[in-house]
C-alpha atoms as a PDB file:
ATOM      1  CA  UNK A   1      62.796   5.848 -19.028  1.00  0.00           C
ATOM      2  CA  UNK A   2      59.705   6.414 -16.889  1.00  0.00           C
ATOM      3  CA  UNK A   3      59.261   5.116 -13.348  1.00  0.00           C
ATOM      4  CA  UNK A   4      56.991   2.360 -14.648  1.00  0.00           C
ATOM      5  CA  UNK A   5      59.688   1.457 -17.169  1.00  0.00           C
ATOM      6  CA  UNK A   6      62.335   1.156 -14.458  1.00  0.00           C
ATOM      7  CA  UNK A   7      60.030  -0.986 -12.312  1.00  0.00           C
ATOM      8  CA  UNK A   8      59.242  -3.170 -15.334  1.00  0.00           C
ATOM      9  CA  UNK A   9      62.905  -3.872 -16.055  1.00  0.00           C
ATOM     10  CA  UNK A  10      63.636  -4.517 -12.365  1.00  0.00           C
ATOM     11  CA  UNK A  11      60.778  -7.013 -12.097  1.00  0.00           C
ATOM     12  CA  UNK A  12      61.755  -8.830 -15.288  1.00  0.00           C
ATOM     13  CA  UNK A  13      65.369  -9.050 -14.114  1.00  0.00           C
ATOM     14  CA  UNK A  14      64.202 -10.393 -10.749  1.00  0.00           C
ATOM     15  CA  UNK A  15      62.004 -12.935 -12.522  1.00  0.00           C
ATOM     16  CA  UNK A  16      64.926 -14.013 -14.694  1.00  0.00           C
ATOM     17  CA  UNK A  17      67.125 -14.531 -11.635  1.00  0.00           C
ATOM     18  CA  UNK A  18      64.378 -16.521  -9.888  1.00  0.00           C
ATOM     19  CA  UNK A  19      63.869 -18.688 -12.970  1.00  0.00           C
ATOM     20  CA  UNK A  20      67.586 -19.384 -13.244  1.00  0.00           C
ATOM     21  CA  UNK A  21      67.831 -20.253  -9.545  1.00  0.00           C
ATOM     22  CA  UNK A  22      64.881 -22.613  -9.905  1.00  0.00           C
ATOM     23  CA  UNK A  23      66.500 -24.234 -12.932  1.00  0.00           C
ATOM     24  CA  UNK A  24      69.873 -24.696 -11.221  1.00  0.00           C
ATOM     25  CA  UNK A  25      68.503 -25.851  -7.852  1.00  0.00           C
ATOM     26  CA  UNK A  26      65.635 -27.867  -9.360  1.00  0.00           C
ATOM     27  CA  UNK A  27      63.130 -26.149  -7.060  1.00  0.00           C
ATOM     28  CA  UNK A  28      59.735 -25.603  -8.586  1.00  0.00           C
ATOM     29  CA  UNK A  29      58.655 -23.172  -5.827  1.00  0.00           C
ATOM     30  CA  UNK A  30      61.320 -20.654  -6.909  1.00  0.00           C
ATOM     31  CA  UNK A  31      60.100 -21.001 -10.481  1.00  0.00           C
ATOM     32  CA  UNK A  32      56.584 -20.155  -9.341  1.00  0.00           C
ATOM     33  CA  UNK A  33      57.963 -17.004  -7.721  1.00  0.00           C
ATOM     34  CA  UNK A  34      59.639 -16.144 -11.022  1.00  0.00           C
ATOM     35  CA  UNK A  35      56.368 -16.612 -12.881  1.00  0.00           C
ATOM     36  CA  UNK A  36      54.549 -14.340 -10.437  1.00  0.00           C
ATOM     37  CA  UNK A  37      57.230 -11.687 -10.845  1.00  0.00           C
ATOM     38  CA  UNK A  38      56.716 -11.903 -14.616  1.00  0.00           C
ATOM     39  CA  UNK A  39      52.990 -11.280 -14.165  1.00  0.00           C
ATOM     40  CA  UNK A  40      53.634  -8.281 -11.919  1.00  0.00           C
ATOM     41  CA  UNK A  41      56.197  -7.047 -14.431  1.00  0.00           C
ATOM     42  CA  UNK A  42      53.585  -7.312 -17.170  1.00  0.00           C
ATOM     43  CA  UNK A  43      51.266  -5.102 -15.105  1.00  0.00           C
ATOM     44  CA  UNK A  44      54.021  -2.471 -14.760  1.00  0.00           C
ATOM     45  CA  UNK A  45      54.843  -2.831 -18.462  1.00  0.00           C
ATOM     46  CA  UNK A  46      51.183  -2.303 -19.354  1.00  0.00           C
ATOM     47  CA  UNK A  47      51.002   0.783 -17.144  1.00  0.00           C
ATOM     48  CA  UNK A  48      54.126   2.181 -18.846  1.00  0.00           C
ATOM     49  CA  UNK A  49      52.467   1.739 -22.252  1.00  0.00           C
ATOM     50  CA  UNK A  50      49.241   3.348 -21.009  1.00  0.00           C
ATOM     51  CA  UNK A  51      51.198   6.260 -19.539  1.00  0.00           C
ATOM     52  CA  UNK A  52      52.938   6.837 -22.890  1.00  0.00           C
ATOM     53  CA  UNK A  53      49.533   6.693 -24.568  1.00  0.00           C
ATOM     54  CA  UNK A  54      48.146   9.354 -22.241  1.00  0.00           C
ATOM     55  CA  UNK A  55      51.144  11.667 -22.681  1.00  0.00           C
ATOM     56  CA  UNK A  56      51.198  11.290 -26.472  1.00  0.00           C
ATOM     57  CA  UNK A  57      47.419  11.476 -26.833  1.00  0.00           C
ATOM     58  CA  UNK A  58      47.511   8.573 -29.283  1.00  0.00           C
ATOM     59  CA  UNK A  59      48.337   4.834 -29.304  1.00  0.00           C
ATOM     60  CA  UNK A  60      52.089   4.485 -28.606  1.00  0.00           C
ATOM     61  CA  UNK A  61      52.835   2.539 -31.782  1.00  0.00           C
ATOM     62  CA  UNK A  62      53.734   5.314 -34.236  1.00  0.00           C
ATOM     63  CA  UNK A  63      57.514   4.786 -34.446  1.00  0.00           C
ATOM     64  CA  UNK A  64      60.177   2.135 -33.884  1.00  0.00           C
ATOM     65  CA  UNK A  65      60.927   3.083 -30.275  1.00  0.00           C
ATOM     66  CA  UNK A  66      57.286   2.798 -29.256  1.00  0.00           C
ATOM     67  CA  UNK A  67      56.656  -0.431 -31.140  1.00  0.00           C
ATOM     68  CA  UNK A  68      59.856  -1.907 -29.681  1.00  0.00           C
ATOM     69  CA  UNK A  69      58.343  -1.372 -26.239  1.00  0.00           C
ATOM     70  CA  UNK A  70      55.097  -3.079 -27.243  1.00  0.00           C
ATOM     71  CA  UNK A  71      56.871  -5.969 -29.030  1.00  0.00           C
ATOM     72  CA  UNK A  72      58.518  -7.408 -25.852  1.00  0.00           C
ATOM     73  CA  UNK A  73      55.233  -6.925 -23.988  1.00  0.00           C
ATOM     74  CA  UNK A  74      53.622  -9.221 -26.562  1.00  0.00           C
ATOM     75  CA  UNK A  75      56.465 -11.755 -26.316  1.00  0.00           C
ATOM     76  CA  UNK A  76      56.352 -11.974 -22.529  1.00  0.00           C
ATOM     77  CA  UNK A  77      52.546 -11.868 -22.262  1.00  0.00           C
ATOM     78  CA  UNK A  78      52.033 -14.636 -24.829  1.00  0.00           C
ATOM     79  CA  UNK A  79      54.930 -16.656 -23.428  1.00  0.00           C
ATOM     80  CA  UNK A  80      53.588 -16.397 -19.872  1.00  0.00           C
ATOM     81  CA  UNK A  81      50.105 -17.388 -21.016  1.00  0.00           C
ATOM     82  CA  UNK A  82      51.328 -20.445 -22.929  1.00  0.00           C
ATOM     83  CA  UNK A  83      53.775 -21.482 -20.196  1.00  0.00           C
ATOM     84  CA  UNK A  84      50.978 -21.703 -17.654  1.00  0.00           C
ATOM     85  CA  UNK A  85      50.304 -25.310 -16.745  1.00  0.00           C
ATOM     86  CA  UNK A  86      53.732 -26.567 -17.815  1.00  0.00           C
ATOM     87  CA  UNK A  87      56.712 -27.092 -15.561  1.00  0.00           C
ATOM     88  CA  UNK A  88      59.459 -26.190 -17.994  1.00  0.00           C
ATOM     89  CA  UNK A  89      62.390 -24.707 -16.128  1.00  0.00           C
ATOM     90  CA  UNK A  90      64.078 -23.503 -19.309  1.00  0.00           C
ATOM     91  CA  UNK A  91      61.177 -21.821 -21.126  1.00  0.00           C
ATOM     92  CA  UNK A  92      60.434 -18.995 -18.688  1.00  0.00           C
ATOM     93  CA  UNK A  93      63.961 -17.579 -18.481  1.00  0.00           C
ATOM     94  CA  UNK A  94      64.394 -17.794 -22.260  1.00  0.00           C
ATOM     95  CA  UNK A  95      61.210 -15.803 -22.853  1.00  0.00           C
ATOM     96  CA  UNK A  96      62.073 -13.174 -20.236  1.00  0.00           C
ATOM     97  CA  UNK A  97      65.611 -12.872 -21.599  1.00  0.00           C
ATOM     98  CA  UNK A  98      64.264 -12.269 -25.113  1.00  0.00           C
ATOM     99  CA  UNK A  99      61.817  -9.697 -23.757  1.00  0.00           C
ATOM    100  CA  UNK A 100      64.573  -7.852 -21.888  1.00  0.00           C
ATOM    101  CA  UNK A 101      66.809  -7.887 -24.973  1.00  0.00           C
ATOM    102  CA  UNK A 102      64.024  -6.370 -27.060  1.00  0.00           C
ATOM    103  CA  UNK A 103      63.274  -3.766 -24.397  1.00  0.00           C
ATOM    104  CA  UNK A 104      66.934  -2.841 -24.292  1.00  0.00           C
ATOM    105  CA  UNK A 105      67.068  -2.511 -28.062  1.00  0.00           C
ATOM    106  CA  UNK A 106      64.239   0.050 -27.920  1.00  0.00           C
ATOM    107  CA  UNK A 107      66.863   2.504 -26.621  1.00  0.00           C
ATOM    108  CA  UNK A 108      68.520   2.401 -30.048  1.00  0.00           C
ATOM    109  CA  UNK A 109      65.757   4.667 -31.375  1.00  0.00           C
ATOM    110  CA  UNK A 110      64.841   8.185 -30.178  1.00  0.00           C
ATOM    111  CA  UNK A 111      62.019   8.186 -27.644  1.00  0.00           C
ATOM    112  CA  UNK A 112      60.784  11.708 -28.429  1.00  0.00           C
ATOM    113  CA  UNK A 113      57.018  12.034 -28.797  1.00  0.00           C
ATOM    114  CA  UNK A 114      56.403  13.530 -32.230  1.00  0.00           C
ATOM    115  CA  UNK A 115      53.128  14.524 -33.939  1.00  0.00           C
ATOM    116  CA  UNK A 116      51.532  11.892 -36.131  1.00  0.00           C
ATOM    117  CA  UNK A 117      51.930  12.100 -39.870  1.00  0.00           C
ATOM    118  CA  UNK A 118      48.609  12.679 -41.681  1.00  0.00           C
ATOM    119  CA  UNK A 119      48.517   9.092 -42.997  1.00  0.00           C
ATOM    120  CA  UNK A 120      48.750   7.767 -39.427  1.00  0.00           C
ATOM    121  CA  UNK A 121      45.820   9.778 -38.096  1.00  0.00           C
ATOM    122  CA  UNK A 122      43.322   6.973 -38.315  1.00  0.00           C
ATOM    123  CA  UNK A 123      41.355   4.830 -35.844  1.00  0.00           C
ATOM    124  CA  UNK A 124      42.844   1.833 -37.679  1.00  0.00           C
ATOM    125  CA  UNK A 125      46.322   2.677 -36.358  1.00  0.00           C
ATOM    126  CA  UNK A 126      45.850   0.862 -33.063  1.00  0.00           C
ATOM    127  CA  UNK A 127      44.121  -2.229 -34.463  1.00  0.00           C
ATOM    128  CA  UNK A 128      46.544  -2.701 -37.340  1.00  0.00           C
ATOM    129  CA  UNK A 129      49.775  -2.229 -35.403  1.00  0.00           C
ATOM    130  CA  UNK A 130      48.544  -4.017 -32.274  1.00  0.00           C
ATOM    131  CA  UNK A 131      47.550  -7.124 -34.240  1.00  0.00           C
ATOM    132  CA  UNK A 132      50.914  -7.142 -36.024  1.00  0.00           C
ATOM    133  CA  UNK A 133      52.788  -6.740 -32.724  1.00  0.00           C
ATOM    134  CA  UNK A 134      50.864  -9.642 -31.219  1.00  0.00           C
ATOM    135  CA  UNK A 135      51.694 -11.728 -34.293  1.00  0.00           C
ATOM    136  CA  UNK A 136      55.386 -10.876 -34.120  1.00  0.00           C
ATOM    137  CA  UNK A 137      55.406 -11.566 -30.383  1.00  0.00           C
ATOM    138  CA  UNK A 138      53.819 -14.985 -30.925  1.00  0.00           C
ATOM    139  CA  UNK A 139      56.373 -15.835 -33.599  1.00  0.00           C
ATOM    140  CA  UNK A 140      59.093 -14.797 -31.152  1.00  0.00           C
ATOM    141  CA  UNK A 141      57.691 -17.245 -28.610  1.00  0.00           C
ATOM    142  CA  UNK A 142      57.653 -19.956 -31.291  1.00  0.00           C
ATOM    143  CA  UNK A 143      61.300 -19.138 -32.064  1.00  0.00           C
ATOM    144  CA  UNK A 144      62.218 -19.664 -28.415  1.00  0.00           C
ATOM    145  CA  UNK A 145      60.197 -22.881 -28.269  1.00  0.00           C
ATOM    146  CA  UNK A 146      61.854 -24.185 -31.432  1.00  0.00           C
ATOM    147  CA  UNK A 147      65.323 -23.424 -30.116  1.00  0.00           C
ATOM    148  CA  UNK A 148      64.584 -25.112 -26.781  1.00  0.00           C
ATOM    149  CA  UNK A 149      63.153 -28.154 -28.547  1.00  0.00           C
ATOM    150  CA  UNK A 150      66.371 -28.563 -30.523  1.00  0.00           C
ATOM    151  CA  UNK A 151      68.488 -28.042 -27.398  1.00  0.00           C
ATOM    152  CA  UNK A 152      66.543 -30.632 -25.381  1.00  0.00           C
ATOM    153  CA  UNK A 153      66.465 -33.070 -28.307  1.00  0.00           C
ATOM    154  CA  UNK A 154      70.276 -32.996 -28.480  1.00  0.00           C
ATOM    155  CA  UNK A 155      70.618 -34.083 -24.869  1.00  0.00           C
ATOM    156  CA  UNK A 156      70.936 -37.725 -23.922  1.00  0.00           C
ATOM    157  CA  UNK A 157      67.548 -39.311 -23.546  1.00  0.00           C
ATOM    158  CA  UNK A 158      66.691 -39.215 -19.864  1.00  0.00           C
ATOM    159  CA  UNK A 159      63.423 -39.657 -18.033  1.00  0.00           C
ATOM    160  CA  UNK A 160      61.191 -36.624 -18.560  1.00  0.00           C
ATOM    161  CA  UNK A 161      62.831 -35.430 -21.769  1.00  0.00           C
ATOM    162  CA  UNK A 162      60.042 -36.794 -23.958  1.00  0.00           C
ATOM    163  CA  UNK A 163      57.406 -34.948 -21.902  1.00  0.00           C
ATOM    164  CA  UNK A 164      59.445 -31.724 -22.114  1.00  0.00           C
ATOM    165  CA  UNK A 165      59.823 -32.086 -25.869  1.00  0.00           C
ATOM    166  CA  UNK A 166      56.089 -32.624 -26.332  1.00  0.00           C
ATOM    167  CA  UNK A 167      55.275 -29.624 -24.140  1.00  0.00           C
ATOM    168  CA  UNK A 168      57.715 -27.291 -25.905  1.00  0.00           C
ATOM    169  CA  UNK A 169      56.488 -28.503 -29.310  1.00  0.00           C
ATOM    170  CA  UNK A 170      52.877 -27.853 -28.306  1.00  0.00           C
ATOM    171  CA  UNK A 171      53.703 -24.362 -27.020  1.00  0.00           C
ATOM    172  CA  UNK A 172      55.462 -23.522 -30.284  1.00  0.00           C
ATOM    173  CA  UNK A 173      52.523 -24.787 -32.313  1.00  0.00           C
ATOM    174  CA  UNK A 174      50.003 -22.798 -30.262  1.00  0.00           C
ATOM    175  CA  UNK A 175      52.129 -19.661 -30.647  1.00  0.00           C
ATOM    176  CA  UNK A 176      52.330 -20.038 -34.432  1.00  0.00           C
ATOM    177  CA  UNK A 177      48.585 -20.637 -34.776  1.00  0.00           C
ATOM    178  CA  UNK A 178      47.891 -17.477 -32.786  1.00  0.00           C
ATOM    179  CA  UNK A 179      50.540 -15.482 -34.657  1.00  0.00           C
ATOM    180  CA  UNK A 180      49.243 -16.708 -38.013  1.00  0.00           C
ATOM    181  CA  UNK A 181      45.727 -15.550 -37.138  1.00  0.00           C
ATOM    182  CA  UNK A 182      46.852 -12.170 -35.766  1.00  0.00           C
ATOM    183  CA  UNK A 183      49.067 -11.449 -38.769  1.00  0.00           C
ATOM    184  CA  UNK A 184      46.069 -12.162 -41.003  1.00  0.00           C
ATOM    185  CA  UNK A 185      44.109  -9.628 -38.952  1.00  0.00           C
ATOM    186  CA  UNK A 186      46.987  -7.173 -39.324  1.00  0.00           C
ATOM    187  CA  UNK A 187      47.066  -7.603 -43.100  1.00  0.00           C
ATOM    188  CA  UNK A 188      43.303  -7.182 -43.411  1.00  0.00           C
ATOM    189  CA  UNK A 189      43.129  -4.104 -41.167  1.00  0.00           C
ATOM    190  CA  UNK A 190      46.131  -2.662 -42.982  1.00  0.00           C
ATOM    191  CA  UNK A 191      44.383  -3.135 -46.318  1.00  0.00           C
ATOM    192  CA  UNK A 192      41.281  -1.346 -45.041  1.00  0.00           C
ATOM    193  CA  UNK A 193      43.413   1.478 -43.691  1.00  0.00           C
ATOM    194  CA  UNK A 194      45.393   1.705 -46.952  1.00  0.00           C
ATOM    195  CA  UNK A 195      42.174   2.032 -48.932  1.00  0.00           C
ATOM    196  CA  UNK A 196      41.026   4.885 -46.720  1.00  0.00           C
ATOM    197  CA  UNK A 197      44.416   6.657 -46.743  1.00  0.00           C
ATOM    198  CA  UNK A 198      45.681   6.012 -50.262  1.00  0.00           C
ATOM    199  CA  UNK A 199      42.615   4.818 -52.191  1.00  0.00           C
ATOM    200  CA  UNK A 200      43.959   1.322 -52.800  1.00  0.00           C
ATOM    201  CA  UNK A 201      43.428  -1.924 -50.897  1.00  0.00           C
ATOM    202  CA  UNK A 202      46.799  -3.348 -51.932  1.00  0.00           C
ATOM    203  CA  UNK A 203      49.745  -1.512 -53.512  1.00  0.00           C
ATOM    204  CA  UNK A 204      52.463  -4.187 -53.338  1.00  0.00           C
ATOM    205  CA  UNK A 205      54.320  -1.875 -51.004  1.00  0.00           C
ATOM    206  CA  UNK A 206      57.472  -3.514 -49.604  1.00  0.00           C
ATOM    207  CA  UNK A 207      55.966  -3.811 -46.114  1.00  0.00           C
ATOM    208  CA  UNK A 208      52.751  -5.316 -47.462  1.00  0.00           C
ATOM    209  CA  UNK A 209      54.653  -7.744 -49.659  1.00  0.00           C
ATOM    210  CA  UNK A 210      56.957  -8.982 -46.928  1.00  0.00           C
ATOM    211  CA  UNK A 211      54.099  -9.269 -44.439  1.00  0.00           C
ATOM    212  CA  UNK A 212      52.330 -11.503 -46.955  1.00  0.00           C
ATOM    213  CA  UNK A 213      55.524 -13.531 -47.482  1.00  0.00           C
ATOM    214  CA  UNK A 214      55.838 -13.978 -43.720  1.00  0.00           C
ATOM    215  CA  UNK A 215      52.216 -15.058 -43.431  1.00  0.00           C
ATOM    216  CA  UNK A 216      52.621 -17.566 -46.284  1.00  0.00           C
ATOM    217  CA  UNK A 217      55.798 -18.907 -44.663  1.00  0.00           C
ATOM    218  CA  UNK A 218      53.933 -19.793 -41.496  1.00  0.00           C
ATOM    219  CA  UNK A 219      51.090 -21.176 -43.615  1.00  0.00           C
ATOM    220  CA  UNK A 220      53.680 -23.605 -44.990  1.00  0.00           C
ATOM    221  CA  UNK A 221      54.589 -24.543 -41.410  1.00  0.00           C
ATOM    222  CA  UNK A 222      50.960 -25.292 -40.576  1.00  0.00           C
ATOM    223  CA  UNK A 223      50.515 -27.260 -43.802  1.00  0.00           C
ATOM    224  CA  UNK A 224      53.565 -29.405 -43.108  1.00  0.00           C
ATOM    225  CA  UNK A 225      52.494 -29.969 -39.532  1.00  0.00           C
ATOM    226  CA  UNK A 226      48.832 -30.800 -40.129  1.00  0.00           C
ATOM    227  CA  UNK A 227      48.859 -32.332 -43.606  1.00  0.00           C
ATOM    228  CA  UNK A 228      52.401 -33.606 -44.115  1.00  0.00           C
ATOM    229  CA  UNK A 229      52.846 -34.714 -40.472  1.00  0.00           C
ATOM    230  CA  UNK A 230      56.404 -33.481 -40.268  1.00  0.00           C
ATOM    231  CA  UNK A 231      58.489 -34.633 -37.309  1.00  0.00           C
ATOM    232  CA  UNK A 232      58.527 -32.032 -34.496  1.00  0.00           C
ATOM    233  CA  UNK A 233      62.275 -31.583 -34.857  1.00  0.00           C
ATOM    234  CA  UNK A 234      61.878 -30.460 -38.478  1.00  0.00           C
ATOM    235  CA  UNK A 235      59.104 -28.112 -37.405  1.00  0.00           C
ATOM    236  CA  UNK A 236      61.341 -26.711 -34.661  1.00  0.00           C
ATOM    237  CA  UNK A 237      64.021 -25.964 -37.249  1.00  0.00           C
ATOM    238  CA  UNK A 238      61.351 -24.300 -39.390  1.00  0.00           C
ATOM    239  CA  UNK A 239      60.235 -22.065 -36.494  1.00  0.00           C
ATOM    240  CA  UNK A 240      63.835 -21.088 -35.708  1.00  0.00           C
ATOM    241  CA  UNK A 241      64.696 -20.285 -39.337  1.00  0.00           C
ATOM    242  CA  UNK A 242      61.430 -18.399 -40.009  1.00  0.00           C
ATOM    243  CA  UNK A 243      61.815 -15.813 -37.235  1.00  0.00           C
ATOM    244  CA  UNK A 244      64.580 -13.789 -38.964  1.00  0.00           C
ATOM    245  CA  UNK A 245      62.027 -13.247 -41.735  1.00  0.00           C
ATOM    246  CA  UNK A 246      59.691 -11.744 -39.121  1.00  0.00           C
ATOM    247  CA  UNK A 247      62.443  -9.383 -37.954  1.00  0.00           C
ATOM    248  CA  UNK A 248      63.181  -8.382 -41.534  1.00  0.00           C
ATOM    249  CA  UNK A 249      59.501  -7.648 -42.157  1.00  0.00           C
ATOM    250  CA  UNK A 250      59.245  -5.703 -38.916  1.00  0.00           C
ATOM    251  CA  UNK A 251      62.547  -3.772 -38.936  1.00  0.00           C
ATOM    252  CA  UNK A 252      64.634  -4.492 -42.013  1.00  0.00           C
ATOM    253  CA  UNK A 253      62.057  -3.418 -44.581  1.00  0.00           C
ATOM    254  CA  UNK A 254      61.862   0.045 -43.010  1.00  0.00           C
ATOM    255  CA  UNK A 255      65.565   0.706 -43.544  1.00  0.00           C
ATOM    256  CA  UNK A 256      66.610  -1.427 -46.510  1.00  0.00           C
ATOM    257  CA  UNK A 257      63.655  -1.024 -48.851  1.00  0.00           C
ATOM    258  CA  UNK A 258      61.691   1.971 -50.080  1.00  0.00           C
ATOM    259  CA  UNK A 259      57.931   2.017 -49.571  1.00  0.00           C
ATOM    260  CA  UNK A 260      54.902   3.691 -48.092  1.00  0.00           C
ATOM    261  CA  UNK A 261      55.907   2.536 -44.598  1.00  0.00           C
ATOM    262  CA  UNK A 262      59.268   4.299 -44.600  1.00  0.00           C
ATOM    263  CA  UNK A 263      58.012   6.656 -41.876  1.00  0.00           C
ATOM    264  CA  UNK A 264      57.904   3.751 -39.380  1.00  0.00           C
ATOM    265  CA  UNK A 265      61.450   4.369 -38.084  1.00  0.00           C
END
């Protein structure tokens, strides 16, 4: 792990501790400190990604280790952006914890910098993978928001719970709208790239197919929210249950199914 990586983890851990202290002691000022530590951690995280980019001479999204460093960046960045303006003591630590867990899991894959395969040598590499990572990160934020909504909804109704539920529901909805849009961008840029690399816009490759299934799944969420007017609790369950599909599309397809994206390991 690079120096920037060590600093990133230290800052995120410090932010998590500050968030938890704020939650336990009911002191908003400590929570603000935690939020600021998250922002500083994001700067260090960004510098670590840029440093990897400079060393590799290419966008650091060519294998699972590299993408698993970018994935938590997307989760924490989107979560921090959407949390701004809300005073939700439970949301910040949940997002940072998820980000740290994902960062830790990146160590499961080799971090060696290897030459790009011919199919990956394209200017579309960055735009396609970056848009997909942002989409997956947004869906991760929605997963956290859905889980928190269900947890708060199960508590006895006390003053302030309704406002918290509305805020968490709104954050989850915003995250899914953004993720839905970015995954559409990822599918479109991937199709353009596929046509240039393999001479076909769409090959029903396993990764393509499951990305489309994931996109359609969240389209169902938006339909049931906007047209069917589902209760927020049902939508929270939907967001929680849909995220494993995202993880399968992102990781599982690479190892369990055969396809043109098998190199992404």
